[in-house]
Amino acid sequence: MSPNPALTSRRLARSPGLLAALAGRLTARDRWLLRMLHEHRVLTTTQITQLAFGTTRAATARLLTLYQLRAVDRFRPLTASGSAPLHFVLDDAGACLLAAEDGITAAQLGYRRDRALAIALSAQLAHTAGTNSVFCALAAQGRQAGDAALTCWWPERRCAALWGDLARPDGYGQWTEHTPAGPAGTDFFLEYDTGSENLTRVAAKLAGYRDLAARTGITTPVLFWLPTARREAGLRALLASAARGGPGAQPAGAIPGVPVATTTPEAAAGGTGPAGAIWLPAGQPGPRLRLTQTGGTRPAPLPATATGQQADDTAPPGGLPWHPPAPAPPPLPGCHAGGPGSPRTSTA
């Protein structure tokens, strides 16, 4: 009987020679993907396709190879209906390779296999995967547009290490696009809401962002991604009530340096994606604005490289022992990088 068309998932045995075998098989894009998995904890097949591949088939084939080499591990979470996509995390051999590249141990890299796989059973899985889905959709928009790009993406862990005494966003990003009026861009904090917290507690997070803005002097929008239109309306009503002096958290309009906007998956489903006109500013009835119109500034570029190799002697931001990878993969061999979000010439 011929092998299963889905291909065998037989993996190489753990052995002293595994790392050497892995080093000879990985491309620059593979190494970048391993760093993305370490940085962002878990990515699905769909998200990895959005980040770096032209087709799901190409992504699936490469991920299978990385799984067989023990560079990545995978799991499929149980869902109430249907089938969830495969979720990928960094595995032992991949972590050892990254640590060797950085001249540190896997322990210094902060990697333990049991911790990497713990996300599969964590109550935070949906929240982490959901947050990552917003950033991956942004990255995909940049790849498709060719004149736009997600130029920075920090996860909750790095944000907490850097700003956690004041605010703990679910993610931080920088987005750049070209418009008829010229280049436009913004940085932003993302608050990804699953509906599990009381709205008063959600709104109360803005006080920390107020203090952070006062400390840094940087205007950074706080963007709330809410699961339903009803919950979005509830948060907006709470902010409006606070603006009128009613109970609740201090509203965006009363916090200098903290523009706030909200959206929902329904609003984003119109085809414009996270970069499009889906963000409704707090305190205004409309219209919804593009990401670059939400009121942010463009701080200096942040240290990040596609391969993880340090381009200079600057310390990694946030006190973590590794630099954050660039959100875009390195060009394929024979391809030259263009401007922000330059499309790849291959579907690999």
C-alpha atoms as a PDB file:
ATOM      1  CA  MET A   1       0.000   0.000   0.000  1.00  0.00           C
ATOM      2  CA  SER A   2       1.327   3.477  -0.840  1.00  0.00           C
ATOM      3  CA  PRO A   3       2.108   5.924   1.972  1.00  0.00           C
ATOM      4  CA  ASN A   4      -0.558   8.246   3.249  1.00  0.00           C
ATOM      5  CA  PRO A   5      -0.772  11.258   0.908  1.00  0.00           C
ATOM      6  CA  ALA A   6      -0.524  13.493   3.970  1.00  0.00           C
ATOM      7  CA  LEU A   7       3.073  12.165   4.269  1.00  0.00           C
ATOM      8  CA  THR A   8       4.602  10.278   7.144  1.00  0.00           C
ATOM      9  CA  SER A   9       5.174  12.167  10.368  1.00  0.00           C
ATOM     10  CA  ARG A  10       8.058   9.903  11.447  1.00  0.00           C
ATOM     11  CA  ARG A  11      10.610  11.957  13.363  1.00  0.00           C
ATOM     12  CA  LEU A  12      14.372  11.678  13.687  1.00  0.00           C
ATOM     13  CA  ALA A  13      15.535  10.099  16.928  1.00  0.00           C
ATOM     14  CA  ARG A  14      17.040  12.334  19.572  1.00  0.00           C
ATOM     15  CA  SER A  15      20.788  11.814  19.368  1.00  0.00           C
ATOM     16  CA  PRO A  16      24.079  13.722  19.727  1.00  0.00           C
ATOM     17  CA  GLY A  17      24.170  14.097  15.947  1.00  0.00           C
ATOM     18  CA  LEU A  18      20.691  15.563  15.612  1.00  0.00           C
ATOM     19  CA  LEU A  19      21.812  19.179  15.945  1.00  0.00           C
ATOM     20  CA  ALA A  20      24.490  18.742  13.271  1.00  0.00           C
ATOM     21  CA  ALA A  21      21.934  17.176  10.951  1.00  0.00           C
ATOM     22  CA  LEU A  22      19.537  20.013  11.630  1.00  0.00           C
ATOM     23  CA  ALA A  23      22.140  22.715  11.001  1.00  0.00           C
ATOM     24  CA  GLY A  24      22.776  21.326   7.539  1.00  0.00           C
ATOM     25  CA  ARG A  25      19.096  21.241   6.591  1.00  0.00           C
ATOM     26  CA  LEU A  26      17.739  24.599   7.735  1.00  0.00           C
ATOM     27  CA  THR A  27      17.389  27.625   5.499  1.00  0.00           C
ATOM     28  CA  ALA A  28      17.572  31.234   6.670  1.00  0.00           C
ATOM     29  CA  ARG A  29      13.785  31.337   6.535  1.00  0.00           C
ATOM     30  CA  ASP A  30      13.552  28.210   8.713  1.00  0.00           C
ATOM     31  CA  ARG A  31      15.798  29.794  11.332  1.00  0.00           C
ATOM     32  CA  TRP A  32      13.701  32.965  11.251  1.00  0.00           C
ATOM     33  CA  LEU A  33      10.550  30.885  11.769  1.00  0.00           C
ATOM     34  CA  LEU A  34      12.095  29.144  14.779  1.00  0.00           C
ATOM     35  CA  ARG A  35      12.827  32.544  16.284  1.00  0.00           C
ATOM     36  CA  MET A  36       9.264  33.646  15.624  1.00  0.00           C
ATOM     37  CA  LEU A  37       7.956  30.569  17.432  1.00  0.00           C
ATOM     38  CA  HIS A  38      10.229  31.233  20.393  1.00  0.00           C
ATOM     39  CA  GLU A  39       9.248  34.902  20.505  1.00  0.00           C
ATOM     40  CA  HIS A  40       5.479  34.423  20.095  1.00  0.00           C
ATOM     41  CA  ARG A  41       5.110  30.981  21.749  1.00  0.00           C
ATOM     42  CA  VAL A  42       2.626  29.417  19.319  1.00  0.00           C
ATOM     43  CA  LEU A  43       1.603  29.931  15.691  1.00  0.00           C
ATOM     44  CA  THR A  44      -0.942  28.051  13.611  1.00  0.00           C
ATOM     45  CA  THR A  45      -0.535  26.771  10.064  1.00  0.00           C
ATOM     46  CA  THR A  46      -2.741  29.631   8.856  1.00  0.00           C
ATOM     47  CA  GLN A  47      -0.683  32.242  10.676  1.00  0.00           C
ATOM     48  CA  ILE A  48       2.629  30.865   9.425  1.00  0.00           C
ATOM     49  CA  THR A  49       1.240  30.862   5.884  1.00  0.00           C
ATOM     50  CA  GLN A  50       0.274  34.514   6.280  1.00  0.00           C
ATOM     51  CA  LEU A  51       3.709  35.410   7.602  1.00  0.00           C
ATOM     52  CA  ALA A  52       5.995  33.684   5.146  1.00  0.00           C
ATOM     53  CA  PHE A  53       4.404  31.438   2.523  1.00  0.00           C
ATOM     54  CA  GLY A  54       2.379  31.916  -0.632  1.00  0.00           C
ATOM     55  CA  THR A  55       0.183  28.879  -0.113  1.00  0.00           C
ATOM     56  CA  THR A  56      -0.991  26.664   2.721  1.00  0.00           C
ATOM     57  CA  ARG A  57       0.375  23.662   0.841  1.00  0.00           C
ATOM     58  CA  ALA A  58       3.891  25.121   0.786  1.00  0.00           C
ATOM     59  CA  ALA A  59       3.711  26.007   4.475  1.00  0.00           C
ATOM     60  CA  THR A  60       2.387  22.565   5.429  1.00  0.00           C
ATOM     61  CA  ALA A  61       5.141  20.778   3.523  1.00  0.00           C
ATOM     62  CA  ARG A  62       7.917  22.795   5.141  1.00  0.00           C
ATOM     63  CA  LEU A  63       6.406  22.534   8.596  1.00  0.00           C
ATOM     64  CA  LEU A  64       6.262  18.759   8.237  1.00  0.00           C
ATOM     65  CA  THR A  65       9.984  18.713   7.461  1.00  0.00           C
ATOM     66  CA  LEU A  66      10.746  20.886  10.485  1.00  0.00           C
ATOM     67  CA  TYR A  67       8.586  18.620  12.636  1.00  0.00           C
ATOM     68  CA  GLN A  68      10.417  15.502  11.422  1.00  0.00           C
ATOM     69  CA  LEU A  69      13.731  17.206  12.252  1.00  0.00           C
ATOM     70  CA  ARG A  70      12.443  18.022  15.763  1.00  0.00           C
ATOM     71  CA  ALA A  71      12.948  21.718  15.133  1.00  0.00           C
ATOM     72  CA  VAL A  72       9.275  22.295  15.919  1.00  0.00           C
ATOM     73  CA  ASP A  73       6.554  20.381  17.711  1.00  0.00           C
ATOM     74  CA  ARG A  74       2.833  20.532  17.028  1.00  0.00           C
ATOM     75  CA  PHE A  75      -0.574  19.868  18.501  1.00  0.00           C
ATOM     76  CA  ARG A  76      -4.195  20.230  17.492  1.00  0.00           C
ATOM     77  CA  PRO A  77      -6.411  21.598  20.304  1.00  0.00           C
ATOM     78  CA  LEU A  78      -9.852  20.169  20.878  1.00  0.00           C
ATOM     79  CA  THR A  79     -12.728  22.328  19.666  1.00  0.00           C
ATOM     80  CA  ALA A  80     -16.458  22.133  20.337  1.00  0.00           C
ATOM     81  CA  SER A  81     -17.123  21.643  16.633  1.00  0.00           C
ATOM     82  CA  GLY A  82     -15.045  21.071  13.549  1.00  0.00           C
ATOM     83  CA  SER A  83     -11.273  20.744  13.573  1.00  0.00           C
ATOM     84  CA  ALA A  84      -8.770  23.312  14.808  1.00  0.00           C
ATOM     85  CA  PRO A  85      -5.661  24.034  12.726  1.00  0.00           C
ATOM     86  CA  LEU A  86      -2.350  22.574  13.772  1.00  0.00           C
ATOM     87  CA  HIS A  87      -0.536  24.740  16.311  1.00  0.00           C
ATOM     88  CA  PHE A  88       3.278  24.835  16.274  1.00  0.00           C
ATOM     89  CA  VAL A  89       5.794  25.498  19.047  1.00  0.00           C
ATOM     90  CA  LEU A  90       9.580  25.374  19.246  1.00  0.00           C
ATOM     91  CA  ASP A  91      11.055  21.938  19.943  1.00  0.00           C
ATOM     92  CA  ASP A  92      14.318  20.862  21.602  1.00  0.00           C
ATOM     93  CA  ALA A  93      16.559  20.737  18.546  1.00  0.00           C
ATOM     94  CA  GLY A  94      15.324  24.081  17.268  1.00  0.00           C
ATOM     95  CA  ALA A  95      15.939  25.722  20.634  1.00  0.00           C
ATOM     96  CA  CYS A  96      19.445  24.265  20.878  1.00  0.00           C
ATOM     97  CA  LEU A  97      20.262  25.574  17.407  1.00  0.00           C
ATOM     98  CA  LEU A  98      19.050  29.095  18.248  1.00  0.00           C
ATOM     99  CA  ALA A  99      20.999  29.073  21.500  1.00  0.00           C
ATOM    100  CA  ALA A 100      24.152  27.929  19.722  1.00  0.00           C
ATOM    101  CA  GLU A 101      23.781  30.732  17.185  1.00  0.00           C
ATOM    102  CA  ASP A 102      23.539  33.254  20.015  1.00  0.00           C
ATOM    103  CA  GLY A 103      26.399  31.739  22.021  1.00  0.00           C
ATOM    104  CA  ILE A 104      24.209  30.838  25.000  1.00  0.00           C
ATOM    105  CA  THR A 105      22.541  27.727  26.375  1.00  0.00           C
ATOM    106  CA  ALA A 106      18.949  26.689  25.782  1.00  0.00           C
ATOM    107  CA  ALA A 107      18.293  27.437  29.443  1.00  0.00           C
ATOM    108  CA  GLN A 108      19.662  30.966  29.020  1.00  0.00           C
ATOM    109  CA  LEU A 109      17.398  31.296  26.010  1.00  0.00           C
ATOM    110  CA  GLY A 110      14.531  30.669  28.403  1.00  0.00           C
ATOM    111  CA  TYR A 111      13.512  27.430  26.720  1.00  0.00           C
ATOM    112  CA  ARG A 112      12.147  24.296  28.331  1.00  0.00           C
ATOM    113  CA  ARG A 113      10.207  21.804  26.290  1.00  0.00           C
ATOM    114  CA  ASP A 114       7.562  21.233  28.964  1.00  0.00           C
ATOM    115  CA  ARG A 115       6.929  24.967  29.147  1.00  0.00           C
ATOM    116  CA  ALA A 116       6.787  25.286  25.372  1.00  0.00           C
ATOM    117  CA  LEU A 117       4.134  22.565  25.171  1.00  0.00           C
ATOM    118  CA  ALA A 118       2.227  23.798  28.235  1.00  0.00           C
ATOM    119  CA  ILE A 119       0.452  26.361  26.033  1.00  0.00           C
ATOM    120  CA  ALA A 120      -1.487  23.437  24.510  1.00  0.00           C
ATOM    121  CA  LEU A 121      -3.362  22.950  27.776  1.00  0.00           C
ATOM    122  CA  SER A 122      -3.317  26.540  28.957  1.00  0.00           C
ATOM    123  CA  ALA A 123      -6.436  28.650  29.369  1.00  0.00           C
ATOM    124  CA  GLN A 124      -4.402  31.356  27.627  1.00  0.00           C
ATOM    125  CA  LEU A 125      -4.137  29.467  24.334  1.00  0.00           C
ATOM    126  CA  ALA A 126      -7.143  31.154  22.705  1.00  0.00           C
ATOM    127  CA  HIS A 127      -5.973  34.563  23.901  1.00  0.00           C
ATOM    128  CA  THR A 128      -2.388  34.088  22.689  1.00  0.00           C
ATOM    129  CA  ALA A 129      -3.437  32.614  19.347  1.00  0.00           C
ATOM    130  CA  GLY A 130      -6.039  35.348  18.904  1.00  0.00           C
ATOM    131  CA  THR A 131      -3.541  38.123  19.596  1.00  0.00           C
ATOM    132  CA  ASN A 132      -1.107  36.542  17.157  1.00  0.00           C
ATOM    133  CA  SER A 133      -3.845  36.307  14.526  1.00  0.00           C
ATOM    134  CA  VAL A 134      -4.235  40.102  14.456  1.00  0.00           C
ATOM    135  CA  PHE A 135      -0.511  40.669  13.923  1.00  0.00           C
ATOM    136  CA  CYS A 136      -0.245  37.891  11.342  1.00  0.00           C
ATOM    137  CA  ALA A 137      -3.165  39.399   9.418  1.00  0.00           C
ATOM    138  CA  LEU A 138      -1.334  42.741   9.444  1.00  0.00           C
ATOM    139  CA  ALA A 139       1.842  41.097   8.183  1.00  0.00           C
ATOM    140  CA  ALA A 140      -0.146  39.431   5.411  1.00  0.00           C
ATOM    141  CA  GLN A 141      -1.624  42.788   4.397  1.00  0.00           C
ATOM    142  CA  GLY A 142       1.852  44.199   4.041  1.00  0.00           C
ATOM    143  CA  ARG A 143       3.030  41.246   1.946  1.00  0.00           C
ATOM    144  CA  GLN A 144       0.015  41.525  -0.347  1.00  0.00           C
ATOM    145  CA  ALA A 145       0.087  45.310  -0.697  1.00  0.00           C
ATOM    146  CA  GLY A 146       3.780  45.558  -1.510  1.00  0.00           C
ATOM    147  CA  ASP A 147       3.966  49.145  -0.228  1.00  0.00           C
ATOM    148  CA  ALA A 148       3.168  48.527   3.431  1.00  0.00           C
ATOM    149  CA  ALA A 149       4.661  46.504   6.257  1.00  0.00           C
ATOM    150  CA  LEU A 150       4.389  45.453   9.863  1.00  0.00           C
ATOM    151  CA  THR A 151       7.884  46.562  10.836  1.00  0.00           C
ATOM    152  CA  CYS A 152       7.826  45.624  14.533  1.00  0.00           C
ATOM    153  CA  TRP A 153       5.898  43.063  16.570  1.00  0.00           C
ATOM    154  CA  TRP A 154       6.554  42.456  20.247  1.00  0.00           C
ATOM    155  CA  PRO A 155       4.536  39.899  22.226  1.00  0.00           C
ATOM    156  CA  GLU A 156       3.103  40.239  25.722  1.00  0.00           C
ATOM    157  CA  ARG A 157       6.208  38.759  27.349  1.00  0.00           C
ATOM    158  CA  ARG A 158       8.574  41.356  25.895  1.00  0.00           C
ATOM    159  CA  CYS A 159       6.114  44.193  26.567  1.00  0.00           C
ATOM    160  CA  ALA A 160       5.775  43.103  30.191  1.00  0.00           C
ATOM    161  CA  ALA A 161       9.550  42.980  30.628  1.00  0.00           C
ATOM    162  CA  LEU A 162       9.864  46.514  29.282  1.00  0.00           C
ATOM    163  CA  TRP A 163       6.738  48.311  30.548  1.00  0.00           C
ATOM    164  CA  GLY A 164       5.103  45.864  32.966  1.00  0.00           C
ATOM    165  CA  ASP A 165       5.363  48.142  35.984  1.00  0.00           C
ATOM    166  CA  LEU A 166       2.852  50.449  34.259  1.00  0.00           C
ATOM    167  CA  ALA A 167       1.070  48.656  31.406  1.00  0.00           C
ATOM    168  CA  ARG A 168       0.934  45.140  30.035  1.00  0.00           C
ATOM    169  CA  PRO A 169      -0.347  45.197  26.457  1.00  0.00           C
ATOM    170  CA  ASP A 170      -1.011  41.944  24.662  1.00  0.00           C
ATOM    171  CA  GLY A 171       1.249  43.166  21.885  1.00  0.00           C
ATOM    172  CA  TYR A 172       3.088  46.165  20.498  1.00  0.00           C
ATOM    173  CA  GLY A 173       3.522  46.905  16.819  1.00  0.00           C
ATOM    174  CA  GLN A 174       4.683  49.409  14.234  1.00  0.00           C
ATOM    175  CA  TRP A 175       2.947  49.719  10.870  1.00  0.00           C
ATOM    176  CA  THR A 176       4.069  51.671   7.789  1.00  0.00           C
ATOM    177  CA  GLU A 177       2.232  52.252   4.515  1.00  0.00           C
ATOM    178  CA  HIS A 178       2.467  54.523   1.489  1.00  0.00           C
ATOM    179  CA  THR A 179      -0.475  56.808   0.779  1.00  0.00           C
ATOM    180  CA  PRO A 180      -1.163  59.385  -1.958  1.00  0.00           C
ATOM    181  CA  ALA A 181       0.067  62.015   0.509  1.00  0.00           C
ATOM    182  CA  GLY A 182       3.303  60.109   1.169  1.00  0.00           C
ATOM    183  CA  PRO A 183       4.516  57.593   3.766  1.00  0.00           C
ATOM    184  CA  ALA A 184       2.346  57.139   6.855  1.00  0.00           C
ATOM    185  CA  GLY A 185       2.859  55.035   9.927  1.00  0.00           C
ATOM    186  CA  THR A 186       2.072  54.500  13.544  1.00  0.00           C
ATOM    187  CA  ASP A 187       2.993  52.432  16.515  1.00  0.00           C
ATOM    188  CA  PHE A 188       0.269  50.892  18.683  1.00  0.00           C
ATOM    189  CA  PHE A 189      -0.556  48.758  21.688  1.00  0.00           C
ATOM    190  CA  LEU A 190      -3.057  45.933  21.184  1.00  0.00           C
ATOM    191  CA  GLU A 191      -5.503  44.766  23.837  1.00  0.00           C
ATOM    192  CA  TYR A 192      -7.063  41.529  22.606  1.00  0.00           C
ATOM    193  CA  ASP A 193     -10.284  40.898  24.514  1.00  0.00           C
ATOM    194  CA  THR A 194     -11.854  37.442  24.646  1.00  0.00           C
ATOM    195  CA  GLY A 195     -14.835  38.505  26.729  1.00  0.00           C
ATOM    196  CA  SER A 196     -13.614  36.827  29.913  1.00  0.00           C
ATOM    197  CA  GLU A 197     -12.959  40.023  31.887  1.00  0.00           C
ATOM    198  CA  ASN A 198     -15.423  42.495  33.345  1.00  0.00           C
ATOM    199  CA  LEU A 199     -15.573  45.584  31.106  1.00  0.00           C
ATOM    200  CA  THR A 200     -14.813  47.869  34.026  1.00  0.00           C
ATOM    201  CA  ARG A 201     -11.552  46.011  34.524  1.00  0.00           C
ATOM    202  CA  VAL A 202     -10.806  46.218  30.792  1.00  0.00           C
ATOM    203  CA  ALA A 203     -11.302  49.989  30.788  1.00  0.00           C
ATOM    204  CA  ALA A 204      -9.235  50.386  33.958  1.00  0.00           C
ATOM    205  CA  LYS A 205      -6.141  49.304  32.035  1.00  0.00           C
ATOM    206  CA  LEU A 206      -6.044  52.759  30.451  1.00  0.00           C
ATOM    207  CA  ALA A 207      -4.710  54.299  33.651  1.00  0.00           C
ATOM    208  CA  GLY A 208      -1.457  52.369  33.196  1.00  0.00           C
ATOM    209  CA  TYR A 209      -1.166  53.564  29.613  1.00  0.00           C
ATOM    210  CA  ARG A 210      -1.670  57.139  30.843  1.00  0.00           C
ATOM    211  CA  ASP A 211       1.271  56.738  33.197  1.00  0.00           C
ATOM    212  CA  LEU A 212       3.382  55.133  30.484  1.00  0.00           C
ATOM    213  CA  ALA A 213       2.656  57.996  28.070  1.00  0.00           C
ATOM    214  CA  ALA A 214       3.606  60.490  30.773  1.00  0.00           C
ATOM    215  CA  ARG A 215       6.900  58.686  31.383  1.00  0.00           C
ATOM    216  CA  THR A 216       7.931  58.250  27.736  1.00  0.00           C
ATOM    217  CA  GLY A 217       6.376  61.334  26.162  1.00  0.00           C
ATOM    218  CA  ILE A 218       5.309  59.123  23.248  1.00  0.00           C
ATOM    219  CA  THR A 219       1.753  59.123  21.911  1.00  0.00           C
ATOM    220  CA  THR A 220       0.812  55.491  21.314  1.00  0.00           C
ATOM    221  CA  PRO A 221      -2.760  54.427  20.518  1.00  0.00           C
ATOM    222  CA  VAL A 222      -4.334  51.667  22.579  1.00  0.00           C
ATOM    223  CA  LEU A 223      -6.403  49.481  20.261  1.00  0.00           C
ATOM    224  CA  PHE A 224      -9.070  47.196  21.721  1.00  0.00           C
ATOM    225  CA  TRP A 225     -10.004  44.153  19.636  1.00  0.00           C
ATOM    226  CA  LEU A 226     -13.341  42.967  21.056  1.00  0.00           C
ATOM    227  CA  PRO A 227     -15.116  39.691  20.171  1.00  0.00           C
ATOM    228  CA  THR A 228     -18.572  41.088  19.351  1.00  0.00           C
ATOM    229  CA  ALA A 229     -20.269  44.333  18.392  1.00  0.00           C
ATOM    230  CA  ARG A 230     -22.283  44.149  21.613  1.00  0.00           C
ATOM    231  CA  ARG A 231     -19.169  44.026  23.771  1.00  0.00           C
ATOM    232  CA  GLU A 232     -17.604  46.852  21.758  1.00  0.00           C
ATOM    233  CA  ALA A 233     -20.711  48.961  22.394  1.00  0.00           C
ATOM    234  CA  GLY A 234     -20.537  48.106  26.094  1.00  0.00           C
ATOM    235  CA  LEU A 235     -16.928  49.236  26.431  1.00  0.00           C
ATOM    236  CA  ARG A 236     -17.594  52.413  24.483  1.00  0.00           C
ATOM    237  CA  ALA A 237     -20.606  53.196  26.667  1.00  0.00           C
ATOM    238  CA  LEU A 238     -18.481  52.701  29.774  1.00  0.00           C
ATOM    239  CA  LEU A 239     -15.833  55.090  28.454  1.00  0.00           C
ATOM    240  CA  ALA A 240     -18.501  57.644  27.538  1.00  0.00           C
ATOM    241  CA  SER A 241     -20.031  57.344  31.008  1.00  0.00           C
ATOM    242  CA  ALA A 242     -16.667  58.012  32.599  1.00  0.00           C
ATOM    243  CA  ALA A 243     -16.214  61.026  30.315  1.00  0.00           C
ATOM    244  CA  ARG A 244     -19.437  62.452  31.735  1.00  0.00           C
ATOM    245  CA  GLY A 245     -18.215  61.886  35.285  1.00  0.00           C
ATOM    246  CA  GLY A 246     -20.038  58.626  35.830  1.00  0.00           C
ATOM    247  CA  PRO A 247     -18.631  55.464  37.391  1.00  0.00           C
ATOM    248  CA  GLY A 248     -15.894  53.561  35.608  1.00  0.00           C
ATOM    249  CA  ALA A 249     -12.366  53.939  34.389  1.00  0.00           C
ATOM    250  CA  GLN A 250     -10.906  57.213  33.214  1.00  0.00           C
ATOM    251  CA  PRO A 251     -11.791  57.632  29.537  1.00  0.00           C
ATOM    252  CA  ALA A 252      -9.425  57.996  26.629  1.00  0.00           C
ATOM    253  CA  GLY A 253     -10.419  61.564  25.965  1.00  0.00           C
ATOM    254  CA  ALA A 254      -9.301  62.576  29.443  1.00  0.00           C
ATOM    255  CA  ILE A 255      -5.911  60.871  29.235  1.00  0.00           C
ATOM    256  CA  PRO A 256      -3.336  62.999  27.380  1.00  0.00           C
ATOM    257  CA  GLY A 257      -1.201  60.938  25.032  1.00  0.00           C
ATOM    258  CA  VAL A 258      -3.509  57.912  24.996  1.00  0.00           C
ATOM    259  CA  PRO A 259      -5.728  57.748  21.905  1.00  0.00           C
ATOM    260  CA  VAL A 260      -8.097  54.785  22.106  1.00  0.00           C
ATOM    261  CA  ALA A 261      -9.937  52.987  19.313  1.00  0.00           C
ATOM    262  CA  THR A 262     -12.006  49.814  19.156  1.00  0.00           C
ATOM    263  CA  THR A 263     -12.943  47.200  16.607  1.00  0.00           C
ATOM    264  CA  THR A 264     -14.408  43.709  16.222  1.00  0.00           C
ATOM    265  CA  PRO A 265     -13.865  40.755  13.886  1.00  0.00           C
ATOM    266  CA  GLU A 266     -17.149  41.704  12.225  1.00  0.00           C
ATOM    267  CA  ALA A 267     -15.851  45.184  11.428  1.00  0.00           C
ATOM    268  CA  ALA A 268     -12.605  43.704  10.098  1.00  0.00           C
ATOM    269  CA  ALA A 269     -14.417  41.186   7.914  1.00  0.00           C
ATOM    270  CA  GLY A 270     -15.159  43.771   5.233  1.00  0.00           C
ATOM    271  CA  GLY A 271     -11.900  42.914   3.511  1.00  0.00           C
ATOM    272  CA  THR A 272      -9.852  45.884   4.734  1.00  0.00           C
ATOM    273  CA  GLY A 273      -8.096  43.910   7.489  1.00  0.00           C
ATOM    274  CA  PRO A 274      -6.472  45.331  10.639  1.00  0.00           C
ATOM    275  CA  ALA A 275      -4.712  48.098   8.692  1.00  0.00           C
ATOM    276  CA  GLY A 276      -7.936  49.312   7.104  1.00  0.00           C
ATOM    277  CA  ALA A 277     -10.750  51.613   8.186  1.00  0.00           C
ATOM    278  CA  ILE A 278     -12.002  49.419  11.030  1.00  0.00           C
ATOM    279  CA  TRP A 279     -10.939  51.412  14.121  1.00  0.00           C
ATOM    280  CA  LEU A 280     -13.608  53.515  15.852  1.00  0.00           C
ATOM    281  CA  PRO A 281     -12.061  56.251  18.031  1.00  0.00           C
ATOM    282  CA  ALA A 282     -13.354  56.473  21.590  1.00  0.00           C
ATOM    283  CA  GLY A 283     -15.662  59.420  22.164  1.00  0.00           C
ATOM    284  CA  GLN A 284     -16.584  59.715  18.494  1.00  0.00           C
ATOM    285  CA  PRO A 285     -19.593  58.219  16.659  1.00  0.00           C
ATOM    286  CA  GLY A 286     -17.530  57.596  13.542  1.00  0.00           C
ATOM    287  CA  PRO A 287     -16.329  57.079  10.967  1.00  0.00           C
ATOM    288  CA  ARG A 288     -13.967  54.196  11.516  1.00  0.00           C
ATOM    289  CA  LEU A 289     -10.375  55.084  10.716  1.00  0.00           C
ATOM    290  CA  ARG A 290      -7.393  53.373   9.181  1.00  0.00           C
ATOM    291  CA  LEU A 291      -4.698  52.131  11.545  1.00  0.00           C
ATOM    292  CA  THR A 292      -2.367  54.975  10.555  1.00  0.00           C
ATOM    293  CA  GLN A 293      -5.090  57.502  11.472  1.00  0.00           C
ATOM    294  CA  THR A 294      -5.520  56.366  15.086  1.00  0.00           C
ATOM    295  CA  GLY A 295      -3.253  59.051  16.479  1.00  0.00           C
ATOM    296  CA  GLY A 296       0.130  57.444  17.024  1.00  0.00           C
ATOM    297  CA  THR A 297       3.620  58.709  16.401  1.00  0.00           C
ATOM    298  CA  ARG A 298       6.615  57.161  14.682  1.00  0.00           C
ATOM    299  CA  PRO A 299       9.366  56.543  17.250  1.00  0.00           C
ATOM    300  CA  ALA A 300      12.880  55.615  16.232  1.00  0.00           C
ATOM    301  CA  PRO A 301      13.270  52.201  14.594  1.00  0.00           C
ATOM    302  CA  LEU A 302      13.597  49.393  17.115  1.00  0.00           C
ATOM    303  CA  PRO A 303      16.401  46.806  17.090  1.00  0.00           C
ATOM    304  CA  ALA A 304      15.297  43.683  15.243  1.00  0.00           C
ATOM    305  CA  THR A 305      16.795  41.410  12.636  1.00  0.00           C
ATOM    306  CA  ALA A 306      15.241  38.699  10.516  1.00  0.00           C
ATOM    307  CA  THR A 307      17.788  36.081  11.492  1.00  0.00           C
ATOM    308  CA  GLY A 308      18.209  36.983  15.126  1.00  0.00           C
ATOM    309  CA  GLN A 309      21.843  37.944  14.627  1.00  0.00           C
ATOM    310  CA  GLN A 310      22.683  41.199  16.359  1.00  0.00           C
ATOM    311  CA  ALA A 311      23.469  43.952  13.909  1.00  0.00           C
ATOM    312  CA  ASP A 312      25.266  45.961  16.613  1.00  0.00           C
ATOM    313  CA  ASP A 313      26.178  45.861  20.275  1.00  0.00           C
ATOM    314  CA  THR A 314      22.834  47.116  21.581  1.00  0.00           C
ATOM    315  CA  ALA A 315      21.222  44.986  24.251  1.00  0.00           C
ATOM    316  CA  PRO A 316      17.954  43.258  23.369  1.00  0.00           C
ATOM    317  CA  PRO A 317      14.957  45.362  24.447  1.00  0.00           C
ATOM    318  CA  GLY A 318      13.002  44.339  27.492  1.00  0.00           C
ATOM    319  CA  GLY A 319      15.845  42.652  29.329  1.00  0.00           C
ATOM    320  CA  LEU A 320      15.365  39.372  27.433  1.00  0.00           C
ATOM    321  CA  PRO A 321      18.551  37.602  26.284  1.00  0.00           C
ATOM    322  CA  TRP A 322      17.600  37.555  22.611  1.00  0.00           C
ATOM    323  CA  HIS A 323      16.672  40.156  20.016  1.00  0.00           C
ATOM    324  CA  PRO A 324      13.119  40.135  18.656  1.00  0.00           C
ATOM    325  CA  PRO A 325      12.951  38.785  15.106  1.00  0.00           C
ATOM    326  CA  ALA A 326      11.698  41.024  12.333  1.00  0.00           C
ATOM    327  CA  PRO A 327       8.048  40.268  11.438  1.00  0.00           C
ATOM    328  CA  ALA A 328       9.001  39.662   7.792  1.00  0.00           C
ATOM    329  CA  PRO A 329      11.040  36.619   6.730  1.00  0.00           C
ATOM    330  CA  PRO A 330      14.379  36.979   4.974  1.00  0.00           C
ATOM    331  CA  PRO A 331      14.160  36.977   1.168  1.00  0.00           C
ATOM    332  CA  LEU A 332      14.346  33.670  -0.617  1.00  0.00           C
ATOM    333  CA  PRO A 333      17.625  32.922  -2.429  1.00  0.00           C
ATOM    334  CA  GLY A 334      17.715  34.856  -5.673  1.00  0.00           C
ATOM    335  CA  CYS A 335      15.120  37.385  -4.481  1.00  0.00           C
ATOM    336  CA  HIS A 336      16.011  40.927  -3.582  1.00  0.00           C
ATOM    337  CA  ALA A 337      14.246  42.740  -0.795  1.00  0.00           C
ATOM    338  CA  GLY A 338      12.324  45.774  -1.973  1.00  0.00           C
ATOM    339  CA  GLY A 339      10.440  48.367   0.022  1.00  0.00           C
ATOM    340  CA  PRO A 340       8.137  47.743   2.960  1.00  0.00           C
ATOM    341  CA  GLY A 341       6.076  44.660   2.463  1.00  0.00           C
ATOM    342  CA  SER A 342       7.705  43.769  -0.850  1.00  0.00           C
ATOM    343  CA  PRO A 343       5.926  40.686  -2.200  1.00  0.00           C
ATOM    344  CA  ARG A 344       7.934  37.510  -2.661  1.00  0.00           C
ATOM    345  CA  THR A 345       8.406  36.120  -6.138  1.00  0.00           C
ATOM    346  CA  SER A 346       7.903  32.538  -4.996  1.00  0.00           C
ATOM    347  CA  THR A 347       5.122  30.652  -3.282  1.00  0.00           C
ATOM    348  CA  ALA A 348       7.586  28.790  -1.075  1.00  0.00           C
END
